[in-house]
Amino acid sequence: MEDGTIIIGNKPFMNYVNAVVMSFTTKDLINVSIKANGKNISKAISVINVSKKLLNNTFKVDKMDIGSIPFKNKKGKNIQVPTIKISSVRQDNFL
């Protein structure tokens, strides 16, 4: 994680939830972003939802960017892989 950005990959789900929670509490960050590609997009959305519940809705989703990036698959074919970036911000009257 760098500058409040968490990249969702193949680690266990709760590792990412803990990273979000720790970013807002222990690291006292105001903005935290989550990035994911392809099959990990649904995991990113779930991480945000579970984190919000654990922190009693003390942050909100500020912005979501969706797009795609070019990628060459194992067969050498150029494909487009979907991407998402979810930016969240701590609400001032909490934490």
C-alpha atoms as a PDB file:
ATOM      1  CA  MET A   1       0.000   0.000   0.000  1.00  0.00           C
ATOM      2  CA  GLU A   2       1.340   3.404  -0.946  1.00  0.00           C
ATOM      3  CA  ASP A   3      -0.292   6.762  -0.227  1.00  0.00           C
ATOM      4  CA  GLY A   4      -3.563   5.161   0.808  1.00  0.00           C
ATOM      5  CA  THR A   5      -3.863   2.973  -2.289  1.00  0.00           C
ATOM      6  CA  ILE A   6      -4.683  -0.708  -1.867  1.00  0.00           C
ATOM      7  CA  ILE A   7      -4.365  -3.001  -4.866  1.00  0.00           C
ATOM      8  CA  ILE A   8      -6.674  -6.006  -4.689  1.00  0.00           C
ATOM      9  CA  GLY A   9      -5.088  -9.293  -5.696  1.00  0.00           C
ATOM     10  CA  ASN A  10      -5.124 -12.923  -4.592  1.00  0.00           C
ATOM     11  CA  LYS A  11      -4.519 -12.495  -0.857  1.00  0.00           C
ATOM     12  CA  PRO A  12      -7.305 -13.481   1.555  1.00  0.00           C
ATOM     13  CA  PHE A  13     -10.297 -11.135   1.562  1.00  0.00           C
ATOM     14  CA  MET A  14      -9.878 -10.010   5.181  1.00  0.00           C
ATOM     15  CA  ASN A  15      -6.296  -8.860   4.526  1.00  0.00           C
ATOM     16  CA  TYR A  16      -7.708  -6.122   2.301  1.00  0.00           C
ATOM     17  CA  VAL A  17     -10.488  -5.241   4.751  1.00  0.00           C
ATOM     18  CA  ASN A  18      -7.881  -4.927   7.509  1.00  0.00           C
ATOM     19  CA  ALA A  19      -5.758  -2.707   5.255  1.00  0.00           C
ATOM     20  CA  VAL A  20      -8.682  -0.322   4.714  1.00  0.00           C
ATOM     21  CA  VAL A  21      -9.611  -0.260   8.398  1.00  0.00           C
ATOM     22  CA  MET A  22      -5.992   0.302   9.477  1.00  0.00           C
ATOM     23  CA  SER A  23      -5.547   3.058   6.896  1.00  0.00           C
ATOM     24  CA  PHE A  24      -8.449   5.023   8.321  1.00  0.00           C
ATOM     25  CA  THR A  25      -7.750   4.330  11.985  1.00  0.00           C
ATOM     26  CA  THR A  26      -4.087   3.630  12.771  1.00  0.00           C
ATOM     27  CA  LYS A  27      -2.569   5.554   9.848  1.00  0.00           C
ATOM     28  CA  ASP A  28      -5.197   8.283  10.237  1.00  0.00           C
ATOM     29  CA  LEU A  29      -5.558   8.737   6.479  1.00  0.00           C
ATOM     30  CA  ILE A  30      -8.381  10.850   5.095  1.00  0.00           C
ATOM     31  CA  ASN A  31      -8.461   9.262   1.615  1.00  0.00           C
ATOM     32  CA  VAL A  32      -8.096   5.581   0.770  1.00  0.00           C
ATOM     33  CA  SER A  33      -8.341   4.156  -2.746  1.00  0.00           C
ATOM     34  CA  ILE A  34      -8.816   0.572  -3.843  1.00  0.00           C
ATOM     35  CA  LYS A  35      -7.765  -0.618  -7.296  1.00  0.00           C
ATOM     36  CA  ALA A  36      -8.659  -3.925  -8.942  1.00  0.00           C
ATOM     37  CA  ASN A  37      -8.575  -5.566 -12.353  1.00  0.00           C
ATOM     38  CA  GLY A  38     -10.661  -8.293 -13.947  1.00  0.00           C
ATOM     39  CA  LYS A  39     -11.959 -10.983 -11.605  1.00  0.00           C
ATOM     40  CA  ASN A  40     -10.898  -9.003  -8.514  1.00  0.00           C
ATOM     41  CA  ILE A  41     -13.372  -6.174  -9.138  1.00  0.00           C
ATOM     42  CA  SER A  42     -16.153  -7.887  -7.180  1.00  0.00           C
ATOM     43  CA  LYS A  43     -13.728  -8.490  -4.309  1.00  0.00           C
ATOM     44  CA  ALA A  44     -12.878  -4.764  -4.254  1.00  0.00           C
ATOM     45  CA  ILE A  45     -16.539  -3.811  -3.969  1.00  0.00           C
ATOM     46  CA  SER A  46     -17.059  -6.321  -1.151  1.00  0.00           C
ATOM     47  CA  VAL A  47     -13.966  -5.013   0.672  1.00  0.00           C
ATOM     48  CA  ILE A  48     -15.417  -1.492   0.645  1.00  0.00           C
ATOM     49  CA  ASN A  49     -18.824  -2.677   1.866  1.00  0.00           C
ATOM     50  CA  VAL A  50     -17.446  -4.801   4.720  1.00  0.00           C
ATOM     51  CA  SER A  51     -15.006  -2.060   5.741  1.00  0.00           C
ATOM     52  CA  LYS A  52     -17.838   0.476   5.902  1.00  0.00           C
ATOM     53  CA  LYS A  53     -19.802  -1.827   8.196  1.00  0.00           C
ATOM     54  CA  LEU A  54     -16.809  -2.445  10.458  1.00  0.00           C
ATOM     55  CA  LEU A  55     -16.167   1.293  10.737  1.00  0.00           C
ATOM     56  CA  ASN A  56     -19.859   2.109  11.239  1.00  0.00           C
ATOM     57  CA  ASN A  57     -20.105   4.094   7.993  1.00  0.00           C
ATOM     58  CA  THR A  58     -17.443   6.589   9.071  1.00  0.00           C
ATOM     59  CA  PHE A  59     -16.272   6.942   5.477  1.00  0.00           C
ATOM     60  CA  LYS A  60     -18.020   7.199   2.156  1.00  0.00           C
ATOM     61  CA  VAL A  61     -17.251   6.310  -1.427  1.00  0.00           C
ATOM     62  CA  ASP A  62     -16.211   9.554  -3.032  1.00  0.00           C
ATOM     63  CA  LYS A  63     -15.573   8.475  -6.612  1.00  0.00           C
ATOM     64  CA  MET A  64     -15.463   5.359  -8.783  1.00  0.00           C
ATOM     65  CA  ASP A  65     -13.499   5.177 -11.997  1.00  0.00           C
ATOM     66  CA  ILE A  66     -13.987   2.288 -14.378  1.00  0.00           C
ATOM     67  CA  GLY A  67     -12.096   1.500 -17.515  1.00  0.00           C
ATOM     68  CA  SER A  68      -9.998  -1.123 -19.210  1.00  0.00           C
ATOM     69  CA  ILE A  69      -6.362  -1.781 -19.964  1.00  0.00           C
ATOM     70  CA  PRO A  70      -4.856  -3.635 -22.907  1.00  0.00           C
ATOM     71  CA  PHE A  71      -3.423  -7.047 -22.052  1.00  0.00           C
ATOM     72  CA  LYS A  72      -1.932  -9.900 -24.037  1.00  0.00           C
ATOM     73  CA  ASN A  73      -3.360 -13.262 -22.945  1.00  0.00           C
ATOM     74  CA  LYS A  74      -1.530 -16.618 -22.873  1.00  0.00           C
ATOM     75  CA  LYS A  75      -2.440 -17.282 -26.502  1.00  0.00           C
ATOM     76  CA  GLY A  76      -0.900 -13.962 -27.559  1.00  0.00           C
ATOM     77  CA  LYS A  77      -4.238 -12.321 -28.309  1.00  0.00           C
ATOM     78  CA  ASN A  78      -4.707  -8.673 -27.332  1.00  0.00           C
ATOM     79  CA  ILE A  79      -7.678  -8.264 -24.988  1.00  0.00           C
ATOM     80  CA  GLN A  80      -9.113  -5.527 -22.801  1.00  0.00           C
ATOM     81  CA  VAL A  81      -9.182  -6.201 -19.034  1.00  0.00           C
ATOM     82  CA  PRO A  82     -11.716  -4.191 -16.993  1.00  0.00           C
ATOM     83  CA  THR A  83     -10.409  -2.014 -14.150  1.00  0.00           C
ATOM     84  CA  ILE A  84     -11.924  -0.140 -11.232  1.00  0.00           C
ATOM     85  CA  LYS A  85     -10.643   2.442  -8.777  1.00  0.00           C
ATOM     86  CA  ILE A  86     -12.820   3.192  -5.759  1.00  0.00           C
ATOM     87  CA  SER A  87     -11.851   6.335  -3.880  1.00  0.00           C
ATOM     88  CA  SER A  88     -13.207   6.755  -0.374  1.00  0.00           C
ATOM     89  CA  VAL A  89     -12.977   9.626   2.052  1.00  0.00           C
ATOM     90  CA  ARG A  90     -13.293   9.772   5.816  1.00  0.00           C
ATOM     91  CA  GLN A  91     -16.191  11.858   7.020  1.00  0.00           C
ATOM     92  CA  ASP A  92     -14.943  14.727   9.189  1.00  0.00           C
ATOM     93  CA  ASN A  93     -17.255  14.202  12.118  1.00  0.00           C
ATOM     94  CA  PHE A  94     -16.101  10.615  12.677  1.00  0.00           C
ATOM     95  CA  LEU A  95     -12.955   8.848  13.847  1.00  0.00           C
END
